[in-house]
N, C-alpha and C. Protein backbone atom coordinates (compact mmCIF):
# COMPACT_ATOMS: atom_id res chain seq x y z
N UNK A 1 0.87 -1.19 -0.02
CA UNK A 1 -0.02 -0.01 -0.06
C UNK A 1 0.95 1.23 0.03
N UNK A 2 0.44 2.24 -0.62
CA UNK A 2 1.18 3.45 -0.83
C UNK A 2 1.16 4.22 0.51
N UNK A 3 2.24 5.04 0.77
CA UNK A 3 2.28 5.75 2.02
C UNK A 3 1.34 7.00 1.90
N UNK A 4 0.50 7.17 2.86
CA UNK A 4 -0.42 8.30 2.93
C UNK A 4 0.09 9.36 3.93
N UNK A 5 -0.27 10.55 3.67
CA UNK A 5 0.13 11.56 4.74
C UNK A 5 -0.42 11.34 6.07
N UNK A 6 0.23 11.83 7.04
CA UNK A 6 -0.27 11.74 8.46
C UNK A 6 -1.63 12.54 8.54
N UNK A 7 -2.45 12.29 9.53
CA UNK A 7 -3.62 13.11 9.83
C UNK A 7 -3.19 14.53 10.21
N UNK A 8 -3.76 15.54 9.71
CA UNK A 8 -3.48 16.90 10.02
C UNK A 8 -2.22 17.35 9.27
N UNK A 9 -1.62 16.60 8.35
CA UNK A 9 -0.47 16.94 7.61
C UNK A 9 -0.87 17.93 6.52
N UNK A 10 0.07 18.91 6.22
CA UNK A 10 -0.20 19.89 5.07
C UNK A 10 0.59 19.55 3.94
N UNK A 11 0.04 19.58 2.76
CA UNK A 11 0.78 19.38 1.59
C UNK A 11 0.16 20.00 0.44
N UNK A 12 0.88 20.17 -0.67
CA UNK A 12 0.36 20.87 -1.90
C UNK A 12 -0.10 19.83 -2.91
N UNK A 13 -1.39 19.88 -3.35
CA UNK A 13 -1.80 18.85 -4.30
C UNK A 13 -2.39 19.59 -5.50
N UNK A 14 -2.72 18.74 -6.48
CA UNK A 14 -3.26 19.32 -7.77
C UNK A 14 -4.71 18.89 -7.86
N UNK A 15 -5.50 19.80 -8.39
CA UNK A 15 -6.97 19.60 -8.49
C UNK A 15 -7.15 18.66 -9.71
N UNK A 16 -7.78 17.44 -9.33
CA UNK A 16 -8.08 16.46 -10.38
C UNK A 16 -9.38 16.67 -11.09
N UNK A 17 -10.39 16.84 -10.32
CA UNK A 17 -11.82 17.14 -10.77
C UNK A 17 -12.55 18.09 -9.97
N UNK A 18 -13.42 18.77 -10.52
CA UNK A 18 -14.27 19.69 -9.71
C UNK A 18 -15.73 19.29 -9.90
N UNK A 19 -16.46 19.13 -8.84
CA UNK A 19 -17.86 18.78 -8.87
C UNK A 19 -18.72 19.89 -8.21
N UNK A 20 -20.05 19.72 -8.14
CA UNK A 20 -20.85 20.72 -7.58
C UNK A 20 -20.75 20.75 -6.05
N UNK A 21 -20.28 19.65 -5.41
CA UNK A 21 -20.10 19.62 -4.04
C UNK A 21 -18.65 19.79 -3.48
N UNK A 22 -17.68 19.94 -4.32
CA UNK A 22 -16.37 20.14 -3.94
C UNK A 22 -15.31 19.82 -5.04
N UNK A 23 -14.13 19.47 -4.63
CA UNK A 23 -12.97 19.31 -5.65
C UNK A 23 -12.24 18.12 -5.17
N UNK A 24 -11.76 17.26 -6.06
CA UNK A 24 -10.89 16.08 -5.69
C UNK A 24 -9.48 16.49 -5.93
N UNK A 25 -8.58 16.28 -4.99
CA UNK A 25 -7.26 16.72 -5.07
C UNK A 25 -6.31 15.51 -5.10
N UNK A 26 -5.36 15.46 -6.06
CA UNK A 26 -4.44 14.43 -6.13
C UNK A 26 -3.35 14.60 -5.01
N UNK A 27 -3.10 13.51 -4.30
CA UNK A 27 -2.15 13.56 -3.19
C UNK A 27 -0.81 13.15 -3.75
N UNK A 28 0.20 14.04 -3.50
CA UNK A 28 1.53 13.70 -4.15
C UNK A 28 2.22 12.50 -3.47
N UNK A 29 2.83 11.72 -4.28
CA UNK A 29 3.49 10.52 -3.80
C UNK A 29 2.61 9.25 -3.75
N UNK A 30 1.38 9.40 -4.11
CA UNK A 30 0.48 8.17 -4.13
C UNK A 30 -0.56 8.50 -5.27
N UNK A 31 -1.30 7.42 -5.55
CA UNK A 31 -2.43 7.57 -6.61
C UNK A 31 -3.74 7.90 -5.96
N UNK A 32 -3.83 8.09 -4.62
CA UNK A 32 -5.04 8.42 -3.91
C UNK A 32 -5.42 9.95 -4.21
N UNK A 33 -6.74 10.14 -4.11
CA UNK A 33 -7.32 11.51 -4.22
C UNK A 33 -8.09 11.73 -2.89
N UNK A 34 -8.21 13.04 -2.55
CA UNK A 34 -8.99 13.40 -1.34
C UNK A 34 -10.00 14.50 -1.77
N UNK A 35 -11.03 14.56 -1.05
CA UNK A 35 -12.10 15.52 -1.40
C UNK A 35 -11.99 16.72 -0.42
N UNK A 36 -12.00 17.88 -1.11
CA UNK A 36 -12.26 19.18 -0.38
C UNK A 36 -13.65 19.62 -0.58
N UNK A 37 -14.44 19.36 0.41
CA UNK A 37 -15.85 19.71 0.28
C UNK A 37 -15.95 21.22 0.23
N UNK A 38 -17.11 21.70 -0.41
CA UNK A 38 -17.11 23.15 -0.69
C UNK A 38 -17.30 23.91 0.66
N UNK A 39 -17.64 23.31 1.76
CA UNK A 39 -17.63 23.96 2.98
C UNK A 39 -16.28 24.14 3.55
N UNK A 40 -15.30 23.43 3.04
CA UNK A 40 -13.85 23.48 3.52
C UNK A 40 -12.96 24.23 2.57
N UNK A 41 -13.49 24.79 1.49
CA UNK A 41 -12.74 25.52 0.47
C UNK A 41 -12.40 26.93 0.91
N UNK A 42 -13.30 27.57 1.69
CA UNK A 42 -13.00 28.99 2.05
C UNK A 42 -13.84 29.10 3.37
N UNK A 43 -13.37 30.24 4.14
CA UNK A 43 -14.10 30.55 5.31
C UNK A 43 -15.39 31.31 4.92
N UNK A 44 -15.58 31.76 3.73
CA UNK A 44 -16.77 32.32 3.18
C UNK A 44 -17.62 31.24 2.58
N UNK A 45 -18.89 31.52 2.42
CA UNK A 45 -19.85 30.55 1.70
C UNK A 45 -19.37 30.33 0.24
N UNK A 46 -19.43 29.09 -0.15
CA UNK A 46 -19.04 28.73 -1.50
C UNK A 46 -20.23 28.02 -2.18
N UNK A 47 -20.88 28.63 -3.23
CA UNK A 47 -21.94 27.94 -3.88
C UNK A 47 -21.52 27.05 -5.02
N UNK A 48 -20.47 27.51 -5.77
CA UNK A 48 -19.94 26.81 -6.82
C UNK A 48 -18.44 26.63 -6.67
N UNK A 49 -18.00 25.44 -6.48
CA UNK A 49 -16.54 25.23 -6.31
C UNK A 49 -15.74 25.53 -7.51
N UNK A 50 -16.34 25.51 -8.66
CA UNK A 50 -15.66 25.85 -9.95
C UNK A 50 -15.30 27.33 -9.99
N UNK A 51 -15.82 28.13 -9.18
CA UNK A 51 -15.45 29.54 -9.06
C UNK A 51 -14.23 29.79 -8.24
N UNK A 52 -13.92 28.72 -7.43
CA UNK A 52 -12.71 28.84 -6.50
C UNK A 52 -11.52 28.15 -7.16
N UNK A 53 -11.67 26.93 -7.71
CA UNK A 53 -10.61 26.21 -8.36
C UNK A 53 -10.92 25.65 -9.64
N UNK A 54 -9.84 25.42 -10.39
CA UNK A 54 -10.01 24.70 -11.80
C UNK A 54 -9.16 23.52 -11.74
N UNK A 55 -9.42 22.57 -12.72
CA UNK A 55 -8.66 21.45 -12.89
C UNK A 55 -7.19 21.79 -13.18
N UNK A 56 -6.26 21.19 -12.51
CA UNK A 56 -4.87 21.47 -12.77
C UNK A 56 -4.17 22.50 -11.75
N UNK A 57 -5.07 23.23 -11.02
CA UNK A 57 -4.60 24.18 -10.01
C UNK A 57 -3.84 23.51 -8.93
N UNK A 58 -2.72 24.15 -8.45
CA UNK A 58 -2.00 23.71 -7.28
C UNK A 58 -2.62 24.40 -6.04
N UNK A 59 -3.01 23.55 -5.08
CA UNK A 59 -3.61 24.17 -3.80
C UNK A 59 -2.92 23.57 -2.59
N UNK A 60 -2.90 24.31 -1.52
CA UNK A 60 -2.39 23.83 -0.22
C UNK A 60 -3.59 23.23 0.55
N UNK A 61 -3.46 22.02 0.99
CA UNK A 61 -4.52 21.35 1.71
C UNK A 61 -4.04 20.78 3.01
N UNK A 62 -5.01 20.54 3.95
CA UNK A 62 -4.70 19.87 5.21
C UNK A 62 -5.53 18.63 5.30
N UNK A 63 -4.95 17.50 5.60
CA UNK A 63 -5.71 16.21 5.72
C UNK A 63 -6.42 16.25 6.98
N UNK A 64 -7.81 16.27 6.98
CA UNK A 64 -8.60 16.46 8.20
C UNK A 64 -9.33 15.24 8.65
N UNK A 65 -9.37 14.14 7.71
CA UNK A 65 -10.08 12.98 8.13
C UNK A 65 -9.75 11.82 7.15
N UNK A 66 -9.77 10.63 7.86
CA UNK A 66 -9.60 9.36 7.06
C UNK A 66 -10.79 8.42 7.48
N UNK A 67 -11.50 7.90 6.47
CA UNK A 67 -12.65 7.08 6.84
C UNK A 67 -12.63 5.86 5.91
N UNK A 68 -12.82 4.70 6.48
CA UNK A 68 -13.02 3.49 5.61
C UNK A 68 -14.53 3.28 5.46
N UNK A 69 -14.91 3.29 4.20
CA UNK A 69 -16.32 3.04 3.90
C UNK A 69 -16.34 2.11 2.66
N UNK A 70 -17.12 1.02 2.79
CA UNK A 70 -17.23 0.03 1.75
C UNK A 70 -15.82 -0.43 1.25
N UNK A 71 -14.94 -0.73 2.11
CA UNK A 71 -13.60 -1.18 1.74
C UNK A 71 -12.75 -0.12 0.94
N UNK A 72 -13.16 1.06 0.96
CA UNK A 72 -12.44 2.17 0.39
C UNK A 72 -12.05 3.23 1.38
N UNK A 73 -10.86 3.68 1.25
CA UNK A 73 -10.35 4.75 2.18
C UNK A 73 -10.77 6.06 1.55
N UNK A 74 -11.58 6.87 2.34
CA UNK A 74 -11.97 8.15 1.93
C UNK A 74 -11.24 9.24 2.77
N UNK A 75 -10.54 10.13 1.99
CA UNK A 75 -9.76 11.14 2.63
C UNK A 75 -10.54 12.54 2.51
N UNK A 76 -10.56 13.23 3.66
CA UNK A 76 -11.23 14.60 3.68
C UNK A 76 -10.07 15.62 3.83
N UNK A 77 -10.18 16.61 3.01
CA UNK A 77 -9.11 17.66 2.93
C UNK A 77 -9.78 18.99 3.20
N UNK A 78 -8.98 20.01 3.65
CA UNK A 78 -9.50 21.32 3.90
C UNK A 78 -8.48 22.38 3.31
N UNK A 79 -9.00 23.33 2.66
CA UNK A 79 -8.21 24.38 2.09
C UNK A 79 -8.36 25.69 3.04
N UNK A 80 -9.46 25.78 3.80
CA UNK A 80 -9.68 27.06 4.53
C UNK A 80 -8.73 27.21 5.76
N UNK A 81 -8.19 26.07 6.22
CA UNK A 81 -7.29 26.22 7.36
C UNK A 81 -5.84 26.30 7.03
N UNK A 82 -5.59 26.50 5.70
CA UNK A 82 -4.23 26.66 5.14
C UNK A 82 -4.04 27.93 4.30
N UNK A 83 -3.03 28.66 4.60
CA UNK A 83 -2.82 29.82 3.82
C UNK A 83 -2.36 29.41 2.43
N UNK A 84 -3.10 29.84 1.36
CA UNK A 84 -2.90 29.32 0.03
C UNK A 84 -1.64 29.91 -0.65
N UNK A 85 -1.14 31.00 -0.03
CA UNK A 85 0.06 31.58 -0.63
C UNK A 85 1.32 30.91 -0.09
N UNK A 86 1.39 30.64 1.22
CA UNK A 86 2.63 30.14 1.77
C UNK A 86 2.49 28.65 2.30
N UNK A 87 1.25 28.16 2.42
CA UNK A 87 1.12 26.78 2.95
C UNK A 87 1.20 26.72 4.45
N UNK A 88 1.08 27.77 5.10
CA UNK A 88 1.21 27.91 6.65
C UNK A 88 -0.20 27.47 7.19
N UNK A 89 -0.11 26.74 8.28
CA UNK A 89 -1.26 26.19 8.95
C UNK A 89 -1.92 27.34 9.72
N UNK A 90 -3.17 27.65 9.31
CA UNK A 90 -3.93 28.70 10.05
C UNK A 90 -4.65 28.27 11.23
N UNK A 91 -4.73 26.94 11.48
CA UNK A 91 -5.48 26.37 12.62
C UNK A 91 -4.55 25.25 13.16
N UNK A 92 -3.41 25.60 13.82
CA UNK A 92 -2.48 24.65 14.28
C UNK A 92 -3.03 23.67 15.31
N UNK A 93 -4.01 24.11 16.10
CA UNK A 93 -4.54 23.29 17.22
C UNK A 93 -5.89 22.65 16.87
N UNK A 94 -6.20 22.86 15.56
CA UNK A 94 -7.52 22.15 15.07
C UNK A 94 -8.73 22.66 15.78
N UNK A 95 -8.72 23.76 16.29
CA UNK A 95 -9.89 24.38 16.93
C UNK A 95 -11.02 24.54 15.99
N UNK A 96 -10.79 25.21 14.83
CA UNK A 96 -11.77 25.45 13.89
C UNK A 96 -12.48 24.11 13.37
N UNK A 97 -11.64 23.12 13.21
CA UNK A 97 -12.17 21.84 12.80
C UNK A 97 -13.08 21.19 13.82
N UNK A 98 -12.78 21.33 15.07
CA UNK A 98 -13.48 20.79 16.16
C UNK A 98 -14.94 21.49 16.18
N UNK A 99 -14.91 22.84 15.99
CA UNK A 99 -16.13 23.60 15.93
C UNK A 99 -17.06 23.13 14.80
N UNK A 100 -16.41 22.90 13.63
CA UNK A 100 -17.17 22.44 12.44
C UNK A 100 -17.86 21.09 12.82
N UNK A 101 -17.11 20.26 13.46
CA UNK A 101 -17.58 18.88 13.85
C UNK A 101 -18.77 19.03 14.81
N UNK A 102 -18.72 19.89 15.76
CA UNK A 102 -19.80 20.09 16.70
C UNK A 102 -21.03 20.65 16.04
N UNK A 103 -20.83 21.48 14.99
CA UNK A 103 -22.03 21.89 14.30
C UNK A 103 -22.75 20.84 13.51
N UNK A 104 -21.98 19.78 13.06
CA UNK A 104 -22.63 18.70 12.35
C UNK A 104 -23.35 17.70 13.10
N UNK A 105 -23.05 17.66 14.50
CA UNK A 105 -23.62 16.65 15.36
C UNK A 105 -25.18 16.73 15.32
N UNK A 106 -25.77 15.56 15.42
CA UNK A 106 -27.26 15.43 15.43
C UNK A 106 -27.67 15.65 16.88
N UNK A 107 -28.79 16.45 17.00
CA UNK A 107 -29.35 16.66 18.32
C UNK A 107 -30.46 15.66 18.58
N UNK A 108 -30.66 15.21 19.74
CA UNK A 108 -31.71 14.32 20.16
C UNK A 108 -32.98 15.09 20.09
N UNK A 109 -34.05 14.40 19.69
CA UNK A 109 -35.35 14.98 19.61
C UNK A 109 -36.11 14.72 20.96
N UNK A 110 -36.37 15.79 21.66
CA UNK A 110 -37.00 15.65 23.05
C UNK A 110 -38.47 16.13 22.95
N UNK A 111 -39.00 16.23 21.74
CA UNK A 111 -40.35 16.75 21.71
C UNK A 111 -41.43 15.78 22.18
N UNK A 112 -41.12 14.49 22.09
CA UNK A 112 -42.08 13.52 22.58
C UNK A 112 -42.07 13.39 24.12
N UNK A 113 -41.11 13.90 24.78
CA UNK A 113 -41.02 13.74 26.17
C UNK A 113 -41.89 14.79 26.88
N UNK A 114 -42.57 14.41 27.94
CA UNK A 114 -43.41 15.38 28.63
C UNK A 114 -42.62 16.30 29.61
N UNK A 115 -42.87 17.49 29.58
CA UNK A 115 -42.12 18.50 30.42
C UNK A 115 -43.09 18.95 31.64
N UNK A 116 -42.48 18.76 32.85
CA UNK A 116 -43.32 19.11 34.02
C UNK A 116 -42.56 20.33 34.59
N UNK A 117 -43.35 21.25 35.01
CA UNK A 117 -42.83 22.46 35.67
C UNK A 117 -43.13 22.44 37.11
N UNK A 118 -42.60 21.54 37.91
CA UNK A 118 -42.98 21.41 39.26
C UNK A 118 -42.48 22.63 40.07
N UNK A 119 -41.39 23.19 39.71
CA UNK A 119 -40.89 24.31 40.45
C UNK A 119 -41.79 25.43 40.41
N UNK A 120 -42.47 25.69 39.23
CA UNK A 120 -43.36 26.75 39.12
C UNK A 120 -44.67 26.35 39.74
N UNK A 121 -45.21 25.13 39.62
CA UNK A 121 -46.35 24.69 40.11
C UNK A 121 -46.45 24.74 41.67
N UNK A 122 -45.33 24.59 42.25
CA UNK A 122 -45.23 24.52 43.75
C UNK A 122 -44.99 25.90 44.34
N UNK A 123 -44.95 26.94 43.63
CA UNK A 123 -44.81 28.30 44.13
C UNK A 123 -46.17 29.00 44.48
N UNK A 124 -46.07 29.94 45.33
CA UNK A 124 -47.23 30.65 45.76
C UNK A 124 -46.95 32.17 45.55
N UNK A 125 -47.89 32.79 44.92
CA UNK A 125 -47.72 34.27 44.58
C UNK A 125 -47.87 35.08 45.85
N UNK A 126 -46.95 35.98 46.08
CA UNK A 126 -46.96 36.79 47.33
C UNK A 126 -48.00 37.93 47.21
N UNK A 127 -48.50 38.23 45.93
CA UNK A 127 -49.36 39.33 45.71
C UNK A 127 -50.82 38.88 45.88
N UNK A 128 -51.17 37.73 45.21
CA UNK A 128 -52.62 37.41 45.32
C UNK A 128 -52.79 36.08 46.11
N UNK A 129 -51.75 35.35 46.42
CA UNK A 129 -51.83 34.13 47.27
C UNK A 129 -52.15 32.88 46.53
N UNK A 130 -52.21 32.95 45.21
CA UNK A 130 -52.63 31.76 44.42
C UNK A 130 -51.34 30.98 44.05
N UNK A 131 -51.56 29.68 43.76
CA UNK A 131 -50.46 28.78 43.40
C UNK A 131 -50.13 28.91 41.93
N UNK A 132 -48.84 28.63 41.58
CA UNK A 132 -48.50 28.37 40.15
C UNK A 132 -47.84 29.56 39.47
N UNK A 133 -47.67 30.69 40.17
CA UNK A 133 -46.96 31.85 39.46
C UNK A 133 -46.28 32.65 40.48
N UNK A 134 -45.43 33.52 40.03
CA UNK A 134 -44.69 34.46 40.92
C UNK A 134 -45.43 35.84 40.94
N UNK A 135 -45.00 36.63 41.93
CA UNK A 135 -45.67 37.90 42.08
C UNK A 135 -45.40 38.80 40.81
N UNK A 136 -44.15 38.78 40.30
CA UNK A 136 -43.87 39.56 39.14
C UNK A 136 -44.65 39.17 37.89
N UNK A 137 -45.18 37.96 37.84
CA UNK A 137 -45.96 37.46 36.75
C UNK A 137 -47.45 37.58 37.05
N UNK A 138 -47.81 38.14 38.19
CA UNK A 138 -49.24 38.19 38.60
C UNK A 138 -49.92 39.32 37.84
N UNK A 139 -51.14 39.10 37.37
CA UNK A 139 -51.85 40.09 36.67
C UNK A 139 -53.26 40.46 37.32
N UNK A 140 -53.36 39.96 38.57
CA UNK A 140 -54.59 40.15 39.33
C UNK A 140 -54.74 41.57 39.80
N UNK A 141 -55.79 42.21 39.55
CA UNK A 141 -56.10 43.53 40.13
C UNK A 141 -56.61 43.39 41.53
N UNK A 142 -56.39 44.35 42.40
CA UNK A 142 -56.95 44.21 43.82
C UNK A 142 -58.46 44.05 43.76
N UNK A 143 -58.90 43.01 44.38
CA UNK A 143 -60.35 42.76 44.45
C UNK A 143 -60.87 41.94 43.21
N UNK A 144 -59.96 41.62 42.20
CA UNK A 144 -60.39 40.93 41.04
C UNK A 144 -60.48 39.44 41.22
N UNK A 145 -60.70 38.78 40.09
CA UNK A 145 -60.82 37.35 40.10
C UNK A 145 -59.40 36.79 40.22
N UNK A 146 -59.33 35.68 41.02
CA UNK A 146 -58.05 35.02 41.24
C UNK A 146 -57.95 33.71 40.45
N UNK A 147 -56.87 33.48 39.85
CA UNK A 147 -56.61 32.27 39.09
C UNK A 147 -55.47 31.48 39.54
N UNK A 148 -55.52 30.14 39.54
CA UNK A 148 -54.36 29.41 39.92
C UNK A 148 -54.30 28.22 39.08
N UNK A 149 -53.15 27.53 38.90
CA UNK A 149 -53.02 26.35 38.07
C UNK A 149 -53.55 25.19 38.97
N UNK A 150 -54.17 24.33 38.09
CA UNK A 150 -54.68 22.99 38.71
C UNK A 150 -53.76 21.94 38.21
N UNK A 151 -53.18 21.15 39.13
CA UNK A 151 -52.35 20.03 38.56
C UNK A 151 -53.15 19.14 37.74
N UNK A 152 -52.40 18.48 36.72
CA UNK A 152 -53.00 17.66 35.77
C UNK A 152 -53.83 16.54 36.25
N UNK A 153 -53.44 15.81 37.35
CA UNK A 153 -54.14 14.67 37.90
C UNK A 153 -55.43 15.20 38.36
N UNK A 154 -55.51 16.33 39.06
CA UNK A 154 -56.69 16.89 39.59
C UNK A 154 -57.70 17.33 38.41
N UNK A 155 -57.05 17.84 37.36
CA UNK A 155 -57.85 18.26 36.25
C UNK A 155 -58.75 17.09 35.73
N UNK A 156 -58.03 15.95 35.57
CA UNK A 156 -58.74 14.74 35.05
C UNK A 156 -59.81 14.31 35.96
N UNK A 157 -59.50 14.29 37.29
CA UNK A 157 -60.50 13.93 38.28
C UNK A 157 -61.69 14.93 38.30
N UNK A 158 -61.41 16.18 38.28
CA UNK A 158 -62.42 17.19 38.31
C UNK A 158 -63.36 17.06 37.07
N UNK A 159 -62.68 16.89 35.95
CA UNK A 159 -63.34 16.74 34.70
C UNK A 159 -64.31 15.53 34.74
N UNK A 160 -63.77 14.34 35.19
CA UNK A 160 -64.51 13.18 35.33
C UNK A 160 -65.73 13.35 36.31
N UNK A 161 -65.44 13.99 37.48
CA UNK A 161 -66.51 14.19 38.46
C UNK A 161 -67.58 15.19 37.85
N UNK A 162 -67.06 16.19 37.18
CA UNK A 162 -68.05 17.20 36.53
C UNK A 162 -68.90 16.49 35.44
N UNK A 163 -68.34 15.57 34.78
CA UNK A 163 -69.14 14.84 33.71
C UNK A 163 -70.09 13.90 34.33
N UNK A 164 -69.70 13.27 35.44
CA UNK A 164 -70.63 12.41 36.21
C UNK A 164 -71.80 13.17 36.76
N UNK A 165 -71.44 14.42 37.34
CA UNK A 165 -72.52 15.22 37.94
C UNK A 165 -73.48 15.78 36.86
N UNK A 166 -72.88 16.10 35.63
CA UNK A 166 -73.75 16.55 34.54
C UNK A 166 -74.69 15.48 34.16
N UNK A 167 -74.16 14.24 34.11
CA UNK A 167 -75.05 13.12 33.72
C UNK A 167 -76.10 12.92 34.67
N UNK A 168 -75.83 12.98 35.97
CA UNK A 168 -76.87 12.69 37.04
C UNK A 168 -77.85 13.80 37.05
N UNK A 169 -77.42 15.07 36.83
CA UNK A 169 -78.40 16.19 36.89
C UNK A 169 -79.26 16.11 35.67
N UNK A 170 -78.70 15.76 34.46
CA UNK A 170 -79.54 15.73 33.29
C UNK A 170 -80.53 14.56 33.32
N UNK A 171 -80.21 13.41 34.03
CA UNK A 171 -81.15 12.31 34.23
C UNK A 171 -82.18 12.73 35.13
N UNK A 172 -81.85 13.46 36.19
CA UNK A 172 -82.77 13.96 37.13
C UNK A 172 -83.80 14.93 36.43
N UNK A 173 -83.23 15.84 35.63
CA UNK A 173 -84.09 16.79 34.93
C UNK A 173 -85.12 16.07 34.04
N UNK A 174 -84.64 15.00 33.31
CA UNK A 174 -85.45 14.22 32.49
C UNK A 174 -86.55 13.56 33.28
N UNK A 175 -86.23 12.97 34.38
CA UNK A 175 -87.26 12.29 35.12
C UNK A 175 -88.33 13.28 35.79
N UNK A 176 -87.80 14.46 36.11
CA UNK A 176 -88.79 15.46 36.66
C UNK A 176 -89.66 16.02 35.66
N UNK A 177 -89.18 16.07 34.44
CA UNK A 177 -90.06 16.51 33.33
C UNK A 177 -91.09 15.46 33.01
N UNK A 178 -90.69 14.19 33.07
CA UNK A 178 -91.75 13.14 32.83
C UNK A 178 -92.77 13.06 33.88
N UNK A 179 -92.43 13.39 35.12
CA UNK A 179 -93.49 13.32 36.23
C UNK A 179 -94.40 14.55 36.05
N UNK A 180 -93.94 15.66 35.57
CA UNK A 180 -94.81 16.86 35.47
C UNK A 180 -95.86 16.56 34.37
N UNK A 181 -95.57 15.81 33.41
CA UNK A 181 -96.63 15.49 32.39
C UNK A 181 -97.61 14.68 32.90
């Protein structure tokens, strides 16, 4: 197998092909090519890589990743962390690369999980004396209607009790109407 550059090594390569998503760079000393994705071509946004590089151009690149996929070695390169005039490393501690990796990470979806606000539910307003909010969030006028939060379990029980009460009163109303006739 041909010797490949070390990870984070800087070298000058030649542009082999340009695609809509980046450019493939020939690695000197071996037959392998690496991809410079359009997000790694410049610190500015790049829509068309063909506006930045052409086939045959010599560019300075930094090897930022090696990945085995389907028994093929894929090499990731970056131009934005290397000075294109001198080949000097602009990100010697790879801080910029770490930040780019963090941006790509997938975030867990917490939307299906129930959120409970027990700290707020267990508070008592000093202004109106009701549960569930703070005095700074209180909107009660002196002598006005007071509102407080009802815990979810109680809401279901109250709703069920209210439904049962409505049923019994409507049955009683129906039977009293029948008697009056």
